[in-house]
């Protein structure tokens, strides 16, 4: 436990304080109007538990302070330091959290339509959204390009400023009053179905559903056109569950859930959440909080309104119910994610590198096959982020060390495009593969750390290697299991894309001429036997384990 005398020489000015452990790691960043008074509260057992965090104090061994000119400046510095250090005991917004928007911008001689993960006030710009990440946004962008900036399948090339202004005005009309567009899209869906063009019908349906998303769950917010965020909360044991409901022009258009461990008090956790959240996203015109939370000095007090009328209470009630909904599942997910973060942190300390974004590489190929796949899977904060996966197809190399060459190509192709993504690289392989990765990295003038994961004869993770190919000894089973899972996942994806390409390459393979063998059966055979040579050499009994007896018999006869 840290000694109370540490605060004797602390200033009484406003500022920021950083609790640190014995190794100098930042545990918590806070701000105060009076640094000495605030820090003394951590040692006063008679104080309300609004700022005292016993778990924090168990690990803290020192405190660093930064004096500021005002409480406002301290608030700004606190935000910057939290984003910089991402301390464990602070409330942090998940880095992957984004709210997709479609941005339509009037530019010189044209209109730019693209997806962005932010909203900002810009001249000659319309933002549509935010939209859930699982919506088919690309279909809507493609359709908007079709009606706004293209004709007969080609982009319009015009220097007529009036023409583009008219197109931009039309875009604004579509966004604000989409009824006519909905009618048109519904007609296009029906027409496509009548013409048996179900792919086109699905495209128009995706556009319709994505565009109409903001019209769903309509609920007028006390006849106001303000942009309002309603914050609901539910406390279970030592966990705080938050639900943020977004209203735009009086319409509920989005809801997000967050779960945090209460490390001081619910009110302080909410305050930290608001600071962290609105450091990343634009402040609304109003933040509505439960009146039960009003006896606290919030940093964003100017933007906060409390539910002190019946109509406002109704909206807080909805948000609170959403916060409580499925609370056990939310808490379990939080614990699972938090455990992954702890493992990632332990791995970072073991290797003395930043492991917040791991890219792991593997190749998949077989002898006598024309398919070679290089696979990259990315793990952010311990979690597999499938959206960042990448795969590459390589030309067959008949050299004896082909696998080493393939690794060089995979690393080089990936880093040429995505060198800004990973903080560290892990290579599925031994020293030769690591050397190939180092060569590719150095060729591009990069300095991203590289490690290797080698397997045993049973194709299981065995040991971790450093950049020189030397084994890194460790006994932490959680780290081992995490790395083993990463290696299994990249191997699985590599084989998936390999099999997919093999079927594409052999779509008109002789096997498809055999009665009972279609693409699905062929895919099943490839998945189990890995190569066509293995299928050809398989016995009737081996084939029966994968397909029915009739197909197995037909395959056996065809090979004679």
Protein backbone atom coordinates (compact mmCIF):
# COMPACT_ATOMS: atom_id res chain seq x y z
CA UNK A 1 0.00 0.00 0.00
CA UNK A 2 1.36 3.40 -0.96
CA UNK A 3 2.29 5.73 1.91
CA UNK A 4 0.01 8.73 2.54
CA UNK A 5 3.01 11.02 2.96
CA UNK A 6 3.39 10.95 -0.81
CA UNK A 7 0.83 13.78 -1.04
CA UNK A 8 2.54 16.12 1.43
CA UNK A 9 4.27 18.11 -1.28
CA UNK A 10 1.46 17.96 -3.83
CA UNK A 11 0.24 21.32 -5.17
CA UNK A 12 -3.25 22.65 -4.48
CA UNK A 13 -3.51 23.92 -8.06
CA UNK A 14 -5.78 22.36 -10.69
CA UNK A 15 -4.17 19.62 -12.74
CA UNK A 16 -3.88 16.00 -13.76
CA UNK A 17 -2.55 13.06 -11.73
CA UNK A 18 -1.25 9.67 -12.87
CA UNK A 19 -1.14 6.69 -10.50
CA UNK A 20 1.70 4.32 -11.46
CA UNK A 21 2.80 0.84 -10.41
CA UNK A 22 6.31 -0.21 -9.34
CA UNK A 23 7.37 -0.66 -12.99
CA UNK A 24 6.23 2.82 -14.00
CA UNK A 25 3.11 1.65 -15.85
CA UNK A 26 0.23 4.14 -15.72
CA UNK A 27 -2.69 2.61 -13.81
CA UNK A 28 -5.10 5.53 -13.73
CA UNK A 29 -5.32 9.11 -15.00
CA UNK A 30 -7.53 11.63 -13.22
CA UNK A 31 -8.03 15.37 -13.00
CA UNK A 32 -8.75 17.70 -10.11
CA UNK A 33 -9.55 21.33 -9.35
CA UNK A 34 -7.34 20.90 -6.29
CA UNK A 35 -4.74 18.15 -6.73
CA UNK A 36 -3.83 17.81 -3.06
CA UNK A 37 -7.45 17.67 -1.92
CA UNK A 38 -8.39 15.10 -4.55
CA UNK A 39 -5.44 12.81 -3.88
CA UNK A 40 -6.01 12.96 -0.13
CA UNK A 41 -9.45 11.42 -0.70
CA UNK A 42 -7.78 8.17 -1.76
CA UNK A 43 -6.47 7.78 1.82
CA UNK A 44 -9.54 8.95 3.78
CA UNK A 45 -11.70 5.97 4.79
CA UNK A 46 -14.45 8.29 6.00
CA UNK A 47 -14.94 9.79 2.54
CA UNK A 48 -17.65 8.50 0.25
CA UNK A 49 -16.29 5.95 -2.18
CA UNK A 50 -16.63 8.34 -5.10
CA UNK A 51 -12.93 8.55 -5.86
CA UNK A 52 -11.24 5.93 -3.71
CA UNK A 53 -10.41 2.71 -5.50
CA UNK A 54 -9.01 0.03 -3.18
CA UNK A 55 -7.83 -2.25 -6.01
CA UNK A 56 -6.03 0.63 -7.64
CA UNK A 57 -4.30 1.59 -4.40
CA UNK A 58 -3.11 -1.99 -3.84
CA UNK A 59 -1.05 -1.78 -7.02
CA UNK A 60 -0.05 1.91 -6.97
CA UNK A 61 3.47 2.78 -5.84
CA UNK A 62 3.79 6.38 -7.04
CA UNK A 63 1.82 9.33 -8.34
CA UNK A 64 2.82 11.90 -10.93
CA UNK A 65 1.08 15.27 -11.21
CA UNK A 66 0.82 17.87 -13.93
CA UNK A 67 -0.27 21.41 -12.94
CA UNK A 68 -2.63 23.20 -15.35
CA UNK A 69 -3.87 26.77 -15.65
CA UNK A 70 -7.52 25.83 -15.18
CA UNK A 71 -9.91 22.96 -14.59
CA UNK A 72 -10.81 23.12 -18.28
CA UNK A 73 -7.19 22.67 -19.32
CA UNK A 74 -6.89 19.78 -16.86
CA UNK A 75 -9.93 18.17 -18.48
CA UNK A 76 -8.31 18.42 -21.93
CA UNK A 77 -4.98 17.04 -20.67
CA UNK A 78 -6.76 14.18 -18.90
CA UNK A 79 -8.41 13.14 -22.18
CA UNK A 80 -5.10 13.23 -24.04
CA UNK A 81 -3.28 11.15 -21.42
CA UNK A 82 -6.06 8.55 -21.22
CA UNK A 83 -5.99 8.13 -25.00
CA UNK A 84 -2.18 7.91 -24.88
CA UNK A 85 -1.77 5.39 -22.04
CA UNK A 86 -5.17 3.62 -22.05
CA UNK A 87 -4.83 2.87 -18.30
CA UNK A 88 -6.49 -0.27 -16.96
CA UNK A 89 -8.46 1.55 -14.25
CA UNK A 90 -9.90 4.21 -16.54
CA UNK A 91 -13.12 3.82 -18.49
CA UNK A 92 -12.03 3.37 -22.10
CA UNK A 93 -14.17 3.38 -25.23
CA UNK A 94 -13.39 0.28 -27.36
CA UNK A 95 -10.96 1.33 -30.13
CA UNK A 96 -12.91 -0.66 -32.71
CA UNK A 97 -16.12 1.24 -32.01
CA UNK A 98 -17.16 3.15 -35.10
CA UNK A 99 -20.42 4.56 -36.41
CA UNK A 100 -20.51 4.24 -40.21
CA UNK A 101 -21.83 7.19 -42.19
CA UNK A 102 -22.22 7.76 -45.91
CA UNK A 103 -20.72 11.12 -46.80
CA UNK A 104 -21.94 12.93 -49.92
CA UNK A 105 -19.68 15.89 -50.68
CA UNK A 106 -19.96 18.48 -53.45
CA UNK A 107 -16.49 18.94 -54.94
CA UNK A 108 -15.11 20.69 -58.01
CA UNK A 109 -16.58 19.07 -61.15
CA UNK A 110 -18.32 16.31 -59.26
CA UNK A 111 -19.75 14.69 -56.15
CA UNK A 112 -17.78 12.39 -53.85
CA UNK A 113 -19.70 9.53 -52.20
CA UNK A 114 -17.90 7.37 -49.65
CA UNK A 115 -18.24 5.57 -46.34
CA UNK A 116 -16.62 7.24 -43.32
CA UNK A 117 -16.54 6.32 -39.63
CA UNK A 118 -17.22 9.77 -38.26
CA UNK A 119 -19.56 12.74 -38.48
CA UNK A 120 -18.38 16.32 -38.76
CA UNK A 121 -19.86 19.62 -39.86
CA UNK A 122 -18.46 20.36 -43.32
CA UNK A 123 -19.47 22.79 -46.04
CA UNK A 124 -21.31 21.33 -49.05
CA UNK A 125 -21.53 17.96 -47.34
CA UNK A 126 -24.38 15.62 -46.39
CA UNK A 127 -23.96 12.79 -43.89
CA UNK A 128 -26.35 9.84 -43.91
CA UNK A 129 -26.27 7.69 -40.78
CA UNK A 130 -24.97 6.50 -38.50
CA UNK A 131 -25.73 2.95 -39.60
CA UNK A 132 -25.02 -0.41 -37.96
CA UNK A 133 -21.83 -2.10 -39.15
CA UNK A 134 -23.77 -5.15 -40.32
CA UNK A 135 -25.76 -3.17 -42.90
CA UNK A 136 -24.88 -3.61 -46.56
CA UNK A 137 -23.66 -0.05 -46.93
CA UNK A 138 -21.74 -0.78 -50.14
CA UNK A 139 -24.99 -1.49 -52.01
CA UNK A 140 -26.43 1.89 -51.01
CA UNK A 141 -23.23 3.69 -52.04
CA UNK A 142 -23.30 1.91 -55.40
CA UNK A 143 -26.93 2.92 -55.94
CA UNK A 144 -26.29 6.55 -54.95
CA UNK A 145 -23.42 6.65 -57.42
CA UNK A 146 -25.78 5.25 -60.06
CA UNK A 147 -28.43 7.96 -59.61
CA UNK A 148 -26.14 10.90 -58.81
CA UNK A 149 -22.84 10.66 -60.64
CA UNK A 150 -23.17 8.10 -63.45
CA UNK A 151 -25.11 7.53 -66.65
CA UNK A 152 -25.34 4.40 -68.80
CA UNK A 153 -22.84 2.64 -66.55
CA UNK A 154 -20.13 5.31 -66.80
CA UNK A 155 -19.17 8.15 -64.46
CA UNK A 156 -20.34 11.55 -65.68
CA UNK A 157 -17.52 13.87 -66.76
CA UNK A 158 -18.78 17.43 -66.61
CA UNK A 159 -17.32 20.80 -65.67
CA UNK A 160 -20.76 22.39 -65.40
CA UNK A 161 -20.99 23.68 -61.81
CA UNK A 162 -24.76 24.19 -62.07
CA UNK A 163 -25.27 20.55 -63.09
CA UNK A 164 -23.40 19.26 -60.04
CA UNK A 165 -25.18 21.70 -57.72
CA UNK A 166 -28.51 20.35 -59.00
CA UNK A 167 -27.34 16.77 -58.40
CA UNK A 168 -26.22 17.70 -54.89
CA UNK A 169 -29.59 19.36 -54.18
CA UNK A 170 -31.26 16.16 -55.41
CA UNK A 171 -29.12 14.16 -52.98
CA UNK A 172 -30.24 16.41 -50.11
CA UNK A 173 -33.85 15.90 -51.14
CA UNK A 174 -33.40 12.12 -51.16
CA UNK A 175 -31.86 12.12 -47.68
CA UNK A 176 -34.45 14.43 -46.12
CA UNK A 177 -37.60 13.22 -47.93
CA UNK A 178 -36.99 9.64 -49.10
CA UNK A 179 -40.64 8.60 -49.61
CA UNK A 180 -40.54 8.79 -53.43
CA UNK A 181 -37.30 6.84 -53.48
CA UNK A 182 -38.84 4.09 -51.33
CA UNK A 183 -41.75 3.75 -53.75
CA UNK A 184 -39.32 3.56 -56.69
CA UNK A 185 -37.15 0.93 -54.98
CA UNK A 186 -40.16 -1.22 -54.09
CA UNK A 187 -41.23 -1.15 -57.73
CA UNK A 188 -37.72 -2.09 -58.88
CA UNK A 189 -37.68 -5.02 -56.45
CA UNK A 190 -40.98 -6.34 -57.85
CA UNK A 191 -39.87 -5.81 -61.47
CA UNK A 192 -36.64 -7.71 -60.88
CA UNK A 193 -38.55 -10.61 -59.30
CA UNK A 194 -40.94 -10.78 -62.26
CA UNK A 195 -37.95 -10.96 -64.59
CA UNK A 196 -36.50 -13.74 -62.38
CA UNK A 197 -33.45 -11.55 -61.75
CA UNK A 198 -33.22 -12.40 -58.06
CA UNK A 199 -29.69 -11.07 -57.69
CA UNK A 200 -30.85 -7.62 -58.83
CA UNK A 201 -33.91 -7.89 -56.59
CA UNK A 202 -31.65 -8.60 -53.62
CA UNK A 203 -29.48 -5.60 -54.51
CA UNK A 204 -32.49 -3.24 -54.51
CA UNK A 205 -33.77 -4.85 -51.31
CA UNK A 206 -30.40 -4.22 -49.60
CA UNK A 207 -30.53 -0.59 -50.74
CA UNK A 208 -34.11 -0.21 -49.51
CA UNK A 209 -33.42 -1.76 -46.09
CA UNK A 210 -30.22 0.20 -45.52
CA UNK A 211 -31.77 3.50 -46.59
CA UNK A 212 -34.93 2.94 -44.59
CA UNK A 213 -33.04 2.00 -41.43
CA UNK A 214 -33.20 5.54 -40.08
CA UNK A 215 -36.97 5.46 -40.54
CA UNK A 216 -37.30 2.45 -38.27
CA UNK A 217 -38.32 2.70 -34.61
CA UNK A 218 -39.70 6.20 -35.10
CA UNK A 219 -40.53 7.94 -31.84
CA UNK A 220 -40.96 11.68 -31.45
CA UNK A 221 -38.80 13.19 -28.73
CA UNK A 222 -40.97 15.83 -27.07
CA UNK A 223 -41.51 17.57 -30.42
CA UNK A 224 -37.87 18.63 -30.63
CA UNK A 225 -35.54 18.58 -33.61
CA UNK A 226 -32.42 18.49 -31.44
CA UNK A 227 -29.81 15.75 -31.61
CA UNK A 228 -30.05 14.01 -28.25
CA UNK A 229 -28.23 11.11 -26.58
CA UNK A 230 -30.10 9.34 -23.77
CA UNK A 231 -27.87 7.46 -21.30
CA UNK A 232 -29.52 4.61 -19.41
CA UNK A 233 -27.75 2.53 -16.77
CA UNK A 234 -28.12 -0.60 -14.68
CA UNK A 235 -25.87 -1.73 -11.81
CA UNK A 236 -25.29 -5.41 -11.06
CA UNK A 237 -22.82 -6.23 -8.30
CA UNK A 238 -19.62 -4.42 -9.29
CA UNK A 239 -20.58 -3.89 -12.94
CA UNK A 240 -22.21 -0.91 -14.62
CA UNK A 241 -24.14 -1.50 -17.83
CA UNK A 242 -24.81 1.55 -20.01
CA UNK A 243 -27.20 1.97 -22.91
CA UNK A 244 -26.85 4.98 -25.21
CA UNK A 245 -29.87 5.77 -27.40
CA UNK A 246 -29.32 8.29 -30.19
CA UNK A 247 -32.14 10.56 -31.37
CA UNK A 248 -31.73 12.65 -34.49
CA UNK A 249 -34.46 15.11 -35.54
CA UNK A 250 -36.82 13.47 -33.06
CA UNK A 251 -36.22 9.92 -34.30
CA UNK A 252 -34.55 7.03 -32.48
CA UNK A 253 -31.98 5.80 -34.99
CA UNK A 254 -29.31 3.90 -33.03
CA UNK A 255 -28.64 2.18 -29.71
CA UNK A 256 -25.32 0.99 -28.28
CA UNK A 257 -24.45 -0.99 -25.13
CA UNK A 258 -21.35 -0.70 -22.95
CA UNK A 259 -20.24 -2.63 -19.85
CA UNK A 260 -17.67 -1.53 -17.28
CA UNK A 261 -16.41 -2.62 -13.91
CA UNK A 262 -17.17 -0.01 -11.24
CA UNK A 263 -13.81 1.01 -9.85
CA UNK A 264 -15.06 3.95 -7.80
CA UNK A 265 -18.77 4.84 -8.01
CA UNK A 266 -21.48 4.54 -10.70
CA UNK A 267 -21.55 8.33 -11.12
CA UNK A 268 -17.79 8.59 -11.53
CA UNK A 269 -17.84 5.70 -14.01
CA UNK A 270 -20.57 7.46 -16.01
CA UNK A 271 -18.54 10.68 -15.93
CA UNK A 272 -15.44 8.90 -17.22
CA UNK A 273 -17.51 7.15 -19.88
CA UNK A 274 -18.91 10.45 -21.13
CA UNK A 275 -15.45 12.02 -21.23
CA UNK A 276 -14.00 9.08 -23.13
CA UNK A 277 -16.96 8.67 -25.48
CA UNK A 278 -17.23 12.31 -26.49
CA UNK A 279 -13.48 12.58 -26.92
CA UNK A 280 -14.03 10.28 -29.89
CA UNK A 281 -17.49 11.32 -31.10
CA UNK A 282 -19.21 14.66 -31.61
CA UNK A 283 -21.12 16.11 -28.68
CA UNK A 284 -24.90 16.20 -29.21
CA UNK A 285 -26.99 19.23 -28.39
CA UNK A 286 -28.24 17.44 -25.28
CA UNK A 287 -27.17 14.49 -23.11
CA UNK A 288 -30.07 13.15 -21.02
CA UNK A 289 -29.19 11.40 -17.73
CA UNK A 290 -31.28 9.82 -14.99
CA UNK A 291 -32.09 12.35 -12.27
CA UNK A 292 -30.80 9.77 -9.77
CA UNK A 293 -27.31 10.71 -10.98
CA UNK A 294 -27.65 14.48 -10.64
CA UNK A 295 -25.71 14.88 -7.37
CA UNK A 296 -22.35 14.68 -9.11
CA UNK A 297 -20.12 17.25 -10.75
CA UNK A 298 -19.93 16.09 -14.37
CA UNK A 299 -17.24 17.47 -16.65
CA UNK A 300 -19.74 17.91 -19.49
CA UNK A 301 -22.34 19.57 -17.26
CA UNK A 302 -23.14 22.23 -19.87
CA UNK A 303 -24.49 19.55 -22.21
CA UNK A 304 -26.31 17.44 -19.61
CA UNK A 305 -30.02 17.55 -18.75
CA UNK A 306 -31.60 15.34 -16.07
CA UNK A 307 -34.94 13.51 -16.26
CA UNK A 308 -36.94 15.84 -14.03
CA UNK A 309 -40.16 15.83 -16.07
CA UNK A 310 -42.53 12.97 -16.85
CA UNK A 311 -41.77 12.99 -20.57
CA UNK A 312 -38.03 12.88 -19.94
CA UNK A 313 -38.46 10.09 -17.39
CA UNK A 314 -40.21 7.99 -20.06
CA UNK A 315 -37.14 8.10 -22.27
CA UNK A 316 -34.77 7.37 -19.40
CA UNK A 317 -36.97 4.40 -18.48
CA UNK A 318 -36.57 2.96 -21.99
CA UNK A 319 -32.80 3.47 -21.89
CA UNK A 320 -32.55 1.91 -18.41
CA UNK A 321 -34.52 -1.15 -19.59
CA UNK A 322 -32.15 -1.52 -22.52
CA UNK A 323 -29.19 -1.31 -20.15
CA UNK A 324 -30.65 -4.07 -17.95
CA UNK A 325 -31.67 -6.27 -20.89
CA UNK A 326 -29.50 -9.42 -21.16
CA UNK A 327 -27.23 -8.05 -18.45
CA UNK A 328 -25.71 -11.45 -17.58
CA UNK A 329 -24.69 -12.06 -21.18
CA UNK A 330 -23.21 -8.56 -21.43
CA UNK A 331 -21.20 -9.03 -18.23
CA UNK A 332 -19.90 -12.44 -19.36
CA UNK A 333 -18.82 -10.92 -22.67
CA UNK A 334 -17.08 -8.07 -20.84
CA UNK A 335 -15.21 -10.53 -18.60
CA UNK A 336 -14.16 -12.61 -21.62
CA UNK A 337 -12.94 -9.54 -23.52
CA UNK A 338 -11.18 -8.21 -20.43
CA UNK A 339 -9.39 -11.55 -19.99
CA UNK A 340 -8.13 -11.32 -23.57
CA UNK A 341 -6.85 -7.81 -22.88
CA UNK A 342 -4.99 -9.11 -19.83
CA UNK A 343 -3.39 -11.91 -21.88
CA UNK A 344 -2.41 -9.40 -24.57
CA UNK A 345 -0.90 -7.18 -21.89
CA UNK A 346 1.08 -10.11 -20.44
CA UNK A 347 2.34 -11.03 -23.92
CA UNK A 348 3.40 -7.41 -24.49
CA UNK A 349 5.40 -7.42 -21.26
CA UNK A 350 6.94 -10.83 -22.03
CA UNK A 351 8.17 -9.72 -25.45
CA UNK A 352 8.68 -6.06 -24.50
CA UNK A 353 6.73 -4.95 -27.59
CA UNK A 354 3.26 -3.57 -28.26
CA UNK A 355 0.96 -6.56 -28.93
CA UNK A 356 -2.27 -4.56 -29.23
CA UNK A 357 -2.55 -5.47 -32.92
CA UNK A 358 -1.08 -8.83 -33.93
CA UNK A 359 -0.87 -9.95 -37.56
CA UNK A 360 -0.21 -13.68 -37.92
CA UNK A 361 0.86 -15.23 -41.24
CA UNK A 362 0.49 -18.70 -42.75
CA UNK A 363 0.56 -20.33 -46.20
CA UNK A 364 -1.50 -23.19 -47.59
CA UNK A 365 -0.41 -25.31 -50.56
CA UNK A 366 0.07 -28.95 -51.53
CA UNK A 367 2.32 -30.88 -53.88
CA UNK A 368 0.96 -31.22 -57.43
CA UNK A 369 -1.49 -28.37 -56.86
CA UNK A 370 -1.54 -25.10 -58.75
CA UNK A 371 -3.00 -23.21 -55.78
CA UNK A 372 -0.91 -21.33 -53.20
CA UNK A 373 -2.58 -19.13 -50.59
CA UNK A 374 -0.91 -16.67 -48.23
CA UNK A 375 -3.13 -15.84 -45.24
CA UNK A 376 -3.03 -13.01 -42.70
CA UNK A 377 -5.30 -12.83 -39.64
CA UNK A 378 -5.33 -9.82 -37.33
CA UNK A 379 -6.02 -9.81 -33.59
CA UNK A 380 -6.85 -6.43 -32.05
CA UNK A 381 -6.73 -6.21 -28.25
CA UNK A 382 -6.75 -10.00 -28.12
CA UNK A 383 -9.82 -10.41 -30.35
CA UNK A 384 -9.83 -11.74 -33.90
CA UNK A 385 -10.93 -8.91 -36.21
CA UNK A 386 -12.14 -10.74 -39.31
CA UNK A 387 -12.59 -7.47 -41.21
CA UNK A 388 -8.82 -7.03 -41.21
CA UNK A 389 -8.10 -10.53 -42.57
CA UNK A 390 -6.30 -10.60 -45.91
CA UNK A 391 -5.35 -13.42 -48.29
CA UNK A 392 -3.11 -13.54 -51.35
CA UNK A 393 -2.69 -16.00 -54.20
CA UNK A 394 0.86 -16.80 -55.33
CA UNK A 395 2.34 -18.41 -58.41
CA UNK A 396 3.55 -21.96 -57.86
CA UNK A 397 7.24 -22.22 -57.02
CA UNK A 398 8.82 -25.62 -57.69
CA UNK A 399 11.97 -24.89 -55.67
CA UNK A 400 12.77 -27.08 -52.70
CA UNK A 401 12.30 -24.16 -50.28
CA UNK A 402 9.00 -23.05 -51.80
CA UNK A 403 7.35 -22.47 -48.40
CA UNK A 404 10.05 -19.95 -47.49
CA UNK A 405 9.52 -18.10 -50.78
CA UNK A 406 5.76 -18.07 -50.27
CA UNK A 407 6.20 -16.55 -46.80
CA UNK A 408 8.41 -13.82 -48.26
CA UNK A 409 5.77 -12.99 -50.86
CA UNK A 410 2.91 -13.01 -48.33
CA UNK A 411 4.75 -10.69 -45.94
CA UNK A 412 5.86 -8.37 -48.72
CA UNK A 413 2.43 -8.10 -50.36
CA UNK A 414 0.75 -7.47 -47.01
CA UNK A 415 3.19 -4.88 -45.69
CA UNK A 416 3.22 -2.97 -48.98
CA UNK A 417 -0.46 -2.15 -48.38
CA UNK A 418 -1.11 -2.52 -44.66
CA UNK A 419 2.12 -1.70 -42.82
CA UNK A 420 0.21 0.80 -40.65
CA UNK A 421 -2.12 -1.88 -39.23
CA UNK A 422 -0.08 -4.33 -37.10
CA UNK A 423 2.11 -3.51 -34.12
CA UNK A 424 3.81 -6.92 -34.28
CA UNK A 425 4.06 -9.86 -36.72
CA UNK A 426 3.87 -13.57 -35.89
CA UNK A 427 5.01 -16.10 -38.48
CA UNK A 428 3.70 -19.66 -38.66
CA UNK A 429 7.00 -21.48 -39.15
CA UNK A 430 10.58 -21.92 -38.01
CA UNK A 431 13.79 -19.92 -38.47
CA UNK A 432 13.73 -20.12 -42.28
CA UNK A 433 10.25 -18.60 -42.48
CA UNK A 434 11.21 -15.94 -39.91
CA UNK A 435 14.29 -15.04 -41.98
CA UNK A 436 12.08 -14.65 -45.06
CA UNK A 437 9.73 -12.37 -43.13
CA UNK A 438 12.63 -10.26 -41.84
CA UNK A 439 14.00 -9.96 -45.38
CA UNK A 440 10.63 -8.74 -46.71
CA UNK A 441 10.20 -6.27 -43.84
CA UNK A 442 13.71 -4.86 -44.21
CA UNK A 443 13.29 -4.56 -47.97
CA UNK A 444 10.40 -2.16 -47.31
CA UNK A 445 12.38 -0.18 -44.73
CA UNK A 446 10.08 -1.09 -41.83
CA UNK A 447 10.90 -1.99 -38.23
CA UNK A 448 7.85 -3.95 -37.06
CA UNK A 449 8.90 -6.67 -34.54
CA UNK A 450 8.72 -10.26 -35.84
CA UNK A 451 8.29 -13.52 -33.91
CA UNK A 452 7.70 -17.11 -34.96
CA UNK A 453 5.36 -19.91 -33.84
CA UNK A 454 6.62 -23.39 -34.67
CA UNK A 455 4.56 -26.58 -34.56
CA UNK A 456 5.35 -30.16 -33.60
CA UNK A 457 4.87 -33.28 -35.73
CA UNK A 458 1.17 -33.35 -34.81
CA UNK A 459 0.75 -29.85 -36.25
CA UNK A 460 0.24 -28.32 -32.80
CA UNK A 461 1.80 -25.14 -31.43
CA UNK A 462 5.05 -26.07 -29.71
CA UNK A 463 7.21 -23.00 -29.10
CA UNK A 464 7.68 -19.29 -29.73
CA UNK A 465 10.79 -17.99 -31.48
CA UNK A 466 12.41 -14.58 -31.58
CA UNK A 467 13.63 -12.79 -34.69
CA UNK A 468 16.88 -14.79 -34.66
CA UNK A 469 15.01 -18.08 -34.48
CA UNK A 470 15.88 -18.70 -30.83
CA UNK A 471 13.24 -20.11 -28.50
CA UNK A 472 11.54 -17.77 -26.04
CA UNK A 473 10.87 -19.66 -22.82
CA UNK A 474 7.69 -18.95 -20.87
CA UNK A 475 5.35 -20.93 -18.64
CA UNK A 476 2.17 -18.85 -18.79
CA UNK A 477 -0.54 -21.24 -20.03
CA UNK A 478 -2.90 -18.37 -20.91
CA UNK A 479 -0.35 -16.87 -23.30
CA UNK A 480 0.34 -20.30 -24.80
CA UNK A 481 -3.37 -21.02 -25.34
CA UNK A 482 -3.91 -17.58 -26.88
CA UNK A 483 -1.05 -18.04 -29.37
CA UNK A 484 -2.21 -21.56 -30.13
CA UNK A 485 -5.71 -20.27 -30.89
CA UNK A 486 -4.27 -17.57 -33.16
CA UNK A 487 -2.23 -20.16 -35.04
CA UNK A 488 -5.23 -22.46 -35.39
CA UNK A 489 -7.41 -19.64 -36.76
CA UNK A 490 -4.93 -18.50 -39.41
CA UNK A 491 -4.37 -22.12 -40.47
CA UNK A 492 -8.13 -22.66 -40.77
CA UNK A 493 -8.61 -19.57 -42.94
CA UNK A 494 -5.62 -20.44 -45.13
CA UNK A 495 -7.08 -23.89 -45.84
CA UNK A 496 -10.52 -22.39 -46.48
CA UNK A 497 -9.24 -20.08 -49.22
CA UNK A 498 -7.05 -22.84 -50.61
CA UNK A 499 -10.00 -25.22 -50.98
CA UNK A 500 -12.17 -22.46 -52.41
CA UNK A 501 -9.60 -21.68 -55.09
CA UNK A 502 -9.02 -25.37 -55.85
CA UNK A 503 -12.71 -25.85 -56.56
CA UNK A 504 -12.72 -22.75 -58.74
CA UNK A 505 -9.66 -23.98 -60.65
CA UNK A 506 -11.11 -27.45 -61.07
CA UNK A 507 -14.73 -26.45 -61.58
CA UNK A 508 -14.85 -28.55 -64.72
CA UNK A 509 -12.72 -31.28 -63.22
CA UNK A 510 -13.31 -34.86 -64.33
CA UNK A 511 -14.91 -35.56 -60.94
CA UNK A 512 -17.87 -33.36 -61.84
CA UNK A 513 -18.62 -35.69 -64.75
CA UNK A 514 -19.23 -38.53 -62.30
CA UNK A 515 -22.85 -39.21 -61.40
CA UNK A 516 -23.77 -37.80 -57.99
CA UNK A 517 -20.78 -35.43 -57.74
CA UNK A 518 -21.66 -31.74 -57.68
CA UNK A 519 -19.82 -28.68 -56.41
CA UNK A 520 -20.86 -29.30 -52.79
CA UNK A 521 -19.70 -32.92 -52.92
CA UNK A 522 -16.47 -31.85 -54.59
CA UNK A 523 -15.90 -29.26 -51.86
CA UNK A 524 -16.50 -31.93 -49.21
CA UNK A 525 -13.99 -34.27 -50.88
CA UNK A 526 -11.36 -31.54 -51.15
CA UNK A 527 -11.87 -30.55 -47.51
CA UNK A 528 -11.28 -34.12 -46.31
CA UNK A 529 -8.61 -35.37 -48.74
CA UNK A 530 -6.85 -32.00 -49.27
CA UNK A 531 -5.68 -32.73 -52.85
CA UNK A 532 -7.04 -34.33 -56.03
CA UNK A 533 -4.24 -36.88 -55.96
CA UNK A 534 -5.45 -38.04 -52.55
CA UNK A 535 -9.01 -38.35 -53.86
CA UNK A 536 -7.82 -40.41 -56.83
CA UNK A 537 -5.84 -42.75 -54.59
CA UNK A 538 -8.52 -43.11 -51.89
CA UNK A 539 -10.06 -46.55 -51.39
CA UNK A 540 -13.77 -47.27 -51.54
CA UNK A 541 -13.87 -47.59 -47.75
CA UNK A 542 -12.14 -44.22 -47.29
CA UNK A 543 -14.53 -42.55 -49.72
CA UNK A 544 -17.55 -43.99 -47.87
CA UNK A 545 -16.51 -42.04 -44.78
CA UNK A 546 -17.03 -38.80 -46.70
CA UNK A 547 -19.79 -39.48 -49.26
CA UNK A 548 -22.60 -42.01 -49.59
CA UNK A 549 -21.94 -45.53 -50.89
CA UNK A 550 -23.36 -44.92 -54.38
CA UNK A 551 -21.12 -41.89 -55.00
CA UNK A 552 -18.13 -43.74 -53.50
CA UNK A 553 -18.78 -46.65 -55.87
CA UNK A 554 -19.08 -44.32 -58.87
CA UNK A 555 -15.80 -42.61 -57.92
CA UNK A 556 -14.05 -45.96 -57.54
CA UNK A 557 -15.27 -47.17 -60.95
CA UNK A 558 -14.23 -43.90 -62.62
CA UNK A 559 -10.65 -44.34 -61.46
CA UNK A 560 -10.27 -47.73 -63.15
